[in-house]
C-alpha atoms as a PDB file:
ATOM      1  CA  MET A   1      78.208 126.105  86.375  1.00  0.00           C
ATOM      2  CA  PHE A   2      79.329 122.625  87.450  1.00  0.00           C
ATOM      3  CA  LYS A   3      82.514 121.386  85.816  1.00  0.00           C
ATOM      4  CA  LYS A   4      82.845 117.622  85.516  1.00  0.00           C
ATOM      5  CA  PRO A   5      86.150 116.356  86.987  1.00  0.00           C
ATOM      6  CA  ASP A   6      88.762 114.823  84.708  1.00  0.00           C
ATOM      7  CA  LYS A   7      88.603 111.013  85.027  1.00  0.00           C
ATOM      8  CA  ASN A   8      92.354 110.547  84.877  1.00  0.00           C
ATOM      9  CA  LYS A   9      92.973 113.159  87.591  1.00  0.00           C
ATOM     10  CA  VAL A  10      90.480 111.368  89.823  1.00  0.00           C
ATOM     11  CA  ARG A  11      92.189 108.036  89.096  1.00  0.00           C
ATOM     12  CA  ILE A  12      95.622 109.438  89.915  1.00  0.00           C
ATOM     13  CA  LYS A  13      94.278 110.816  93.196  1.00  0.00           C
ATOM     14  CA  LYS A  14      92.893 107.369  94.085  1.00  0.00           C
ATOM     15  CA  HIS A  15      96.159 105.747  93.055  1.00  0.00           C
ATOM     16  CA  LEU A  16      98.188 108.021  95.333  1.00  0.00           C
ATOM     17  CA  ARG A  17      95.813 107.276  98.209  1.00  0.00           C
ATOM     18  CA  VAL A  18      96.266 103.547  97.688  1.00  0.00           C
ATOM     19  CA  ARG A  19     100.052 103.900  97.319  1.00  0.00           C
ATOM     20  CA  LYS A  20     100.267 105.366 100.821  1.00  0.00           C
ATOM     21  CA  LYS A  21      99.277 101.938 102.129  1.00  0.00           C
ATOM     22  CA  ILE A  22     100.735  99.549  99.520  1.00  0.00           C
ATOM     23  CA  SER A  23     104.460  99.157  99.010  1.00  0.00           C
ATOM     24  CA  GLY A  24     106.472  96.402  97.371  1.00  0.00           C
ATOM     25  CA  THR A  25     109.428  94.849  99.180  1.00  0.00           C
ATOM     26  CA  SER A  26     112.080  92.474  97.901  1.00  0.00           C
ATOM     27  CA  GLU A  27     110.257  89.539  99.575  1.00  0.00           C
ATOM     28  CA  ARG A  28     106.850  90.629  98.271  1.00  0.00           C
ATOM     29  CA  PRO A  29     107.058  93.078  95.335  1.00  0.00           C
ATOM     30  CA  ARG A  30     104.172  95.124  93.952  1.00  0.00           C
ATOM     31  CA  LEU A  31     102.233  94.066  90.844  1.00  0.00           C
ATOM     32  CA  CYS A  32     101.236  97.378  89.279  1.00  0.00           C
ATOM     33  CA  VAL A  33      98.618  97.680  86.515  1.00  0.00           C
ATOM     34  CA  PHE A  34      98.177 100.450  83.956  1.00  0.00           C
ATOM     35  CA  ARG A  35      95.429 100.353  81.396  1.00  0.00           C
ATOM     36  CA  SER A  36      94.925 102.560  78.375  1.00  0.00           C
ATOM     37  CA  THR A  37      92.101 102.426  75.871  1.00  0.00           C
ATOM     38  CA  LYS A  38      94.038 100.165  73.482  1.00  0.00           C
ATOM     39  CA  HIS A  39      96.480  98.261  75.711  1.00  0.00           C
ATOM     40  CA  ILE A  40      97.189  96.976  79.225  1.00  0.00           C
ATOM     41  CA  TYR A  41     100.521  96.961  81.025  1.00  0.00           C
ATOM     42  CA  ALA A  42     101.742  95.163  84.166  1.00  0.00           C
ATOM     43  CA  GLN A  43     104.962  95.536  86.133  1.00  0.00           C
ATOM     44  CA  ILE A  44     106.358  93.858  89.203  1.00  0.00           C
ATOM     45  CA  ILE A  45     108.259  96.477  91.190  1.00  0.00           C
ATOM     46  CA  ASP A  46     110.542  96.392  94.237  1.00  0.00           C
ATOM     47  CA  ASP A  47     109.830  99.773  95.859  1.00  0.00           C
ATOM     48  CA  THR A  48     112.663  99.558  98.390  1.00  0.00           C
ATOM     49  CA  LYS A  49     115.254  99.568  95.592  1.00  0.00           C
ATOM     50  CA  GLY A  50     113.112 101.360  93.007  1.00  0.00           C
ATOM     51  CA  HIS A  51     113.605  98.635  90.390  1.00  0.00           C
ATOM     52  CA  THR A  52     111.195  97.056  87.949  1.00  0.00           C
ATOM     53  CA  LEU A  53     111.813  93.330  88.232  1.00  0.00           C
ATOM     54  CA  VAL A  54     109.431  92.031  85.542  1.00  0.00           C
ATOM     55  CA  ALA A  55     107.210  93.714  82.958  1.00  0.00           C
ATOM     56  CA  ALA A  56     104.608  92.485  80.479  1.00  0.00           C
ATOM     57  CA  SER A  57     102.162  94.264  78.212  1.00  0.00           C
ATOM     58  CA  SER A  58      99.913  93.854  75.230  1.00  0.00           C
ATOM     59  CA  VAL A  59     102.382  95.951  73.189  1.00  0.00           C
ATOM     60  CA  GLU A  60     105.190  93.358  73.155  1.00  0.00           C
ATOM     61  CA  PRO A  61     105.937  91.941  69.699  1.00  0.00           C
ATOM     62  CA  ALA A  62     105.487  88.314  70.817  1.00  0.00           C
ATOM     63  CA  PHE A  63     102.070  89.185  72.177  1.00  0.00           C
ATOM     64  CA  ARG A  64     100.992  91.251  69.162  1.00  0.00           C
ATOM     65  CA  ALA A  65     101.854  88.405  66.802  1.00  0.00           C
ATOM     66  CA  LYS A  66      99.284  86.263  68.594  1.00  0.00           C
ATOM     67  CA  TYR A  67      96.560  88.830  69.406  1.00  0.00           C
ATOM     68  CA  ASP A  68      95.438  91.746  67.268  1.00  0.00           C
ATOM     69  CA  ASN A  69      93.524  93.658  69.967  1.00  0.00           C
ATOM     70  CA  GLY A  70      95.218  94.614  73.237  1.00  0.00           C
ATOM     71  CA  GLY A  71      92.252  96.341  74.831  1.00  0.00           C
ATOM     72  CA  ASN A  72      89.835  93.580  75.820  1.00  0.00           C
ATOM     73  CA  VAL A  73      89.306  91.182  78.730  1.00  0.00           C
ATOM     74  CA  ASP A  74      90.752  88.115  76.994  1.00  0.00           C
ATOM     75  CA  THR A  75      94.051  89.788  76.183  1.00  0.00           C
ATOM     76  CA  ALA A  76      94.261  91.248  79.704  1.00  0.00           C
ATOM     77  CA  LYS A  77      93.998  87.717  81.086  1.00  0.00           C
ATOM     78  CA  GLU A  78      96.796  86.588  78.771  1.00  0.00           C
ATOM     79  CA  VAL A  79      99.008  89.486  79.914  1.00  0.00           C
ATOM     80  CA  GLY A  80      98.367  88.346  83.504  1.00  0.00           C
ATOM     81  CA  LYS A  81      99.463  84.818  82.624  1.00  0.00           C
ATOM     82  CA  MET A  82     102.506  86.191  80.799  1.00  0.00           C
ATOM     83  CA  ILE A  83     103.659  88.297  83.775  1.00  0.00           C
ATOM     84  CA  ALA A  84     103.136  85.346  86.130  1.00  0.00           C
ATOM     85  CA  GLU A  85     105.264  83.149  83.882  1.00  0.00           C
ATOM     86  CA  LYS A  86     108.073  85.730  83.786  1.00  0.00           C
ATOM     87  CA  ALA A  87     107.862  86.296  87.549  1.00  0.00           C
ATOM     88  CA  LEU A  88     108.065  82.585  88.366  1.00  0.00           C
ATOM     89  CA  ALA A  89     111.107  82.316  86.102  1.00  0.00           C
ATOM     90  CA  LYS A  90     112.775  85.004  88.263  1.00  0.00           C
ATOM     91  CA  GLY A  91     111.717  83.277  91.506  1.00  0.00           C
ATOM     92  CA  ILE A  92     108.892  85.665  92.443  1.00  0.00           C
ATOM     93  CA  LYS A  93     105.790  83.923  93.775  1.00  0.00           C
ATOM     94  CA  ASN A  94     104.125  86.329  96.249  1.00  0.00           C
ATOM     95  CA  VAL A  95     103.145  89.863  95.227  1.00  0.00           C
ATOM     96  CA  VAL A  96     101.017  92.766  96.436  1.00  0.00           C
ATOM     97  CA  PHE A  97      98.382  93.809  93.880  1.00  0.00           C
ATOM     98  CA  ASP A  98      98.208  97.509  92.985  1.00  0.00           C
ATOM     99  CA  ARG A  99      95.195  98.219  90.802  1.00  0.00           C
ATOM    100  CA  GLY A 100      96.504 101.664  89.924  1.00  0.00           C
ATOM    101  CA  GLY A 101      93.405 103.572  91.015  1.00  0.00           C
ATOM    102  CA  TYR A 102      91.188 101.639  88.609  1.00  0.00           C
ATOM    103  CA  ILE A 103      88.057  99.815  89.712  1.00  0.00           C
ATOM    104  CA  TYR A 104      88.698  96.084  90.257  1.00  0.00           C
ATOM    105  CA  HIS A 105      86.482  95.136  87.350  1.00  0.00           C
ATOM    106  CA  GLY A 106      86.784  94.125  83.713  1.00  0.00           C
ATOM    107  CA  ARG A 107      90.328  94.167  82.332  1.00  0.00           C
ATOM    108  CA  VAL A 108      91.994  94.840  85.694  1.00  0.00           C
ATOM    109  CA  ALA A 109      90.213  91.889  87.321  1.00  0.00           C
ATOM    110  CA  ALA A 110      90.959  89.696  84.283  1.00  0.00           C
ATOM    111  CA  LEU A 111      94.673  90.511  84.530  1.00  0.00           C
ATOM    112  CA  ALA A 112      94.618  89.606  88.230  1.00  0.00           C
ATOM    113  CA  ASP A 113      92.809  86.321  87.496  1.00  0.00           C
ATOM    114  CA  GLY A 114      95.318  85.474  84.781  1.00  0.00           C
ATOM    115  CA  ALA A 115      98.217  86.168  87.141  1.00  0.00           C
ATOM    116  CA  ARG A 116      96.646  83.920  89.781  1.00  0.00           C
ATOM    117  CA  GLU A 117      96.115  81.155  87.211  1.00  0.00           C
ATOM    118  CA  GLY A 118      99.752  81.553  86.190  1.00  0.00           C
ATOM    119  CA  GLY A 119     100.904  80.829  89.748  1.00  0.00           C
ATOM    120  CA  LEU A 120     101.254  84.216  91.487  1.00  0.00           C
ATOM    121  CA  GLU A 121      99.804  84.564  94.987  1.00  0.00           C
ATOM    122  CA  PHE A 122      98.255  87.800  96.285  1.00  0.00           C
END
Protein backbone atom coordinates (compact mmCIF):
# COMPACT_ATOMS: atom_id res chain seq x y z
CA MET A 1 0.00 0.00 0.00
CA PHE A 2 1.26 3.48 -0.90
CA LYS A 3 1.99 5.74 2.06
CA LYS A 4 1.67 9.46 1.40
CA PRO A 5 4.83 11.37 2.44
CA ASP A 6 4.68 13.83 5.32
CA LYS A 7 4.50 17.38 3.90
CA ASN A 8 6.79 18.86 6.53
CA LYS A 9 9.45 16.18 5.98
CA VAL A 10 9.38 16.93 2.26
CA ARG A 11 9.66 20.67 2.98
CA ILE A 12 12.63 20.15 5.30
CA LYS A 13 14.35 18.05 2.64
CA LYS A 14 13.84 20.85 0.09
CA HIS A 15 15.05 23.41 2.60
CA LEU A 16 18.28 21.49 3.24
CA ARG A 17 18.85 21.19 -0.51
CA VAL A 18 18.44 24.94 -0.93
CA ARG A 19 20.65 25.67 2.10
CA LYS A 20 23.56 23.88 0.43
CA LYS A 21 23.62 26.71 -2.10
CA ILE A 22 22.40 29.73 -0.08
CA SER A 23 24.40 31.17 2.78
CA GLY A 24 24.25 34.56 4.47
CA THR A 25 27.41 36.60 4.96
CA SER A 26 27.97 39.75 6.98
CA GLU A 27 27.81 41.84 3.77
CA ARG A 28 24.70 40.05 2.50
CA PRO A 29 22.82 38.15 5.23
CA ARG A 30 20.07 35.60 4.66
CA LEU A 31 16.37 36.48 4.97
CA CYS A 32 14.81 33.26 6.22
CA VAL A 33 11.04 32.62 6.22
CA PHE A 34 9.05 30.19 8.35
CA ARG A 35 5.32 29.87 8.01
CA SER A 36 2.89 28.02 10.23
CA THR A 37 -0.85 27.70 9.79
CA LYS A 38 -1.58 30.69 12.05
CA HIS A 39 1.54 32.88 11.80
CA ILE A 40 4.55 33.84 9.68
CA TYR A 41 8.07 34.53 10.89
CA ALA A 42 11.09 36.17 9.22
CA GLN A 43 14.70 36.43 10.36
CA ILE A 44 17.79 38.01 8.90
CA ILE A 45 20.74 35.77 9.73
CA ASP A 46 24.52 36.07 9.37
CA ASP A 47 25.56 32.44 8.80
CA THR A 48 29.30 33.09 9.12
CA LYS A 49 28.87 34.14 12.76
CA GLY A 50 25.67 32.18 13.42
CA HIS A 51 23.79 35.25 14.66
CA THR A 52 20.25 36.43 14.06
CA LEU A 53 20.56 40.11 13.24
CA VAL A 54 16.87 41.05 12.90
CA ALA A 55 13.61 39.18 13.47
CA ALA A 56 9.95 39.97 12.86
CA SER A 57 6.79 37.91 13.08
CA SER A 58 3.04 38.08 13.28
CA VAL A 59 3.27 37.01 16.95
CA GLU A 60 4.86 40.24 18.22
CA PRO A 61 2.62 42.24 20.56
CA ALA A 62 2.88 45.44 18.48
CA PHE A 63 1.75 43.51 15.43
CA ARG A 64 -1.06 41.64 17.19
CA ALA A 65 -2.51 44.89 18.50
CA LYS A 66 -3.00 46.01 14.91
CA TYR A 67 -3.95 42.72 13.19
CA ASP A 68 -6.06 39.91 14.60
CA ASN A 69 -5.10 37.22 12.06
CA GLY A 70 -1.45 36.34 11.44
CA GLY A 71 -2.03 33.68 8.81
CA ASN A 72 -3.08 35.54 5.66
CA VAL A 73 -1.42 37.31 2.73
CA ASP A 74 -2.04 40.85 3.99
CA THR A 75 -0.38 40.25 7.33
CA ALA A 76 2.54 38.46 5.64
CA LYS A 77 3.13 41.58 3.55
CA GLU A 78 3.10 43.71 6.70
CA VAL A 79 5.64 41.39 8.37
CA GLY A 80 7.84 41.84 5.29
CA LYS A 81 7.60 45.62 5.61
CA MET A 82 8.31 45.37 9.34
CA ILE A 83 11.48 43.29 8.86
CA ALA A 84 12.68 45.66 6.12
CA GLU A 85 12.19 48.62 8.45
CA LYS A 86 14.15 46.93 11.25
CA ALA A 87 16.90 45.84 8.85
CA LEU A 88 17.35 49.33 7.40
CA ALA A 89 17.59 50.70 10.93
CA LYS A 90 20.53 48.31 11.51
CA GLY A 91 22.15 49.25 8.18
CA ILE A 92 21.22 46.09 6.26
CA LYS A 93 20.07 46.74 2.69
CA ASN A 94 21.05 43.68 0.62
CA VAL A 95 19.93 40.17 1.59
CA VAL A 96 19.70 36.67 0.14
CA PHE A 97 16.14 35.29 0.21
CA ASP A 98 15.65 31.83 1.73
CA ARG A 99 12.11 30.62 1.19
CA GLY A 100 12.57 27.80 3.68
CA GLY A 101 11.54 25.01 1.33
CA TYR A 102 8.12 26.56 0.74
CA ILE A 103 6.78 27.31 -2.72
CA TYR A 104 7.30 30.98 -3.69
CA HIS A 105 3.59 31.66 -3.67
CA GLY A 106 0.95 33.17 -1.42
CA ARG A 107 2.21 34.27 2.00
CA VAL A 108 5.89 33.64 1.22
CA ALA A 109 5.72 35.77 -1.94
CA ALA A 110 3.73 38.45 -0.09
CA LEU A 111 6.40 38.65 2.63
CA ALA A 112 9.08 39.02 -0.05
CA ASP A 113 7.09 41.76 -1.81
CA GLY A 114 6.59 43.60 1.47
CA ALA A 115 10.32 43.41 2.22
CA ARG A 116 11.11 44.79 -1.24
CA GLU A 117 8.60 47.62 -0.77
CA GLY A 118 10.22 48.35 2.59
CA GLY A 119 13.60 48.89 0.91
CA LEU A 120 15.42 45.53 1.02
CA GLU A 121 17.15 44.36 -2.15
CA PHE A 122 17.39 40.68 -3.15
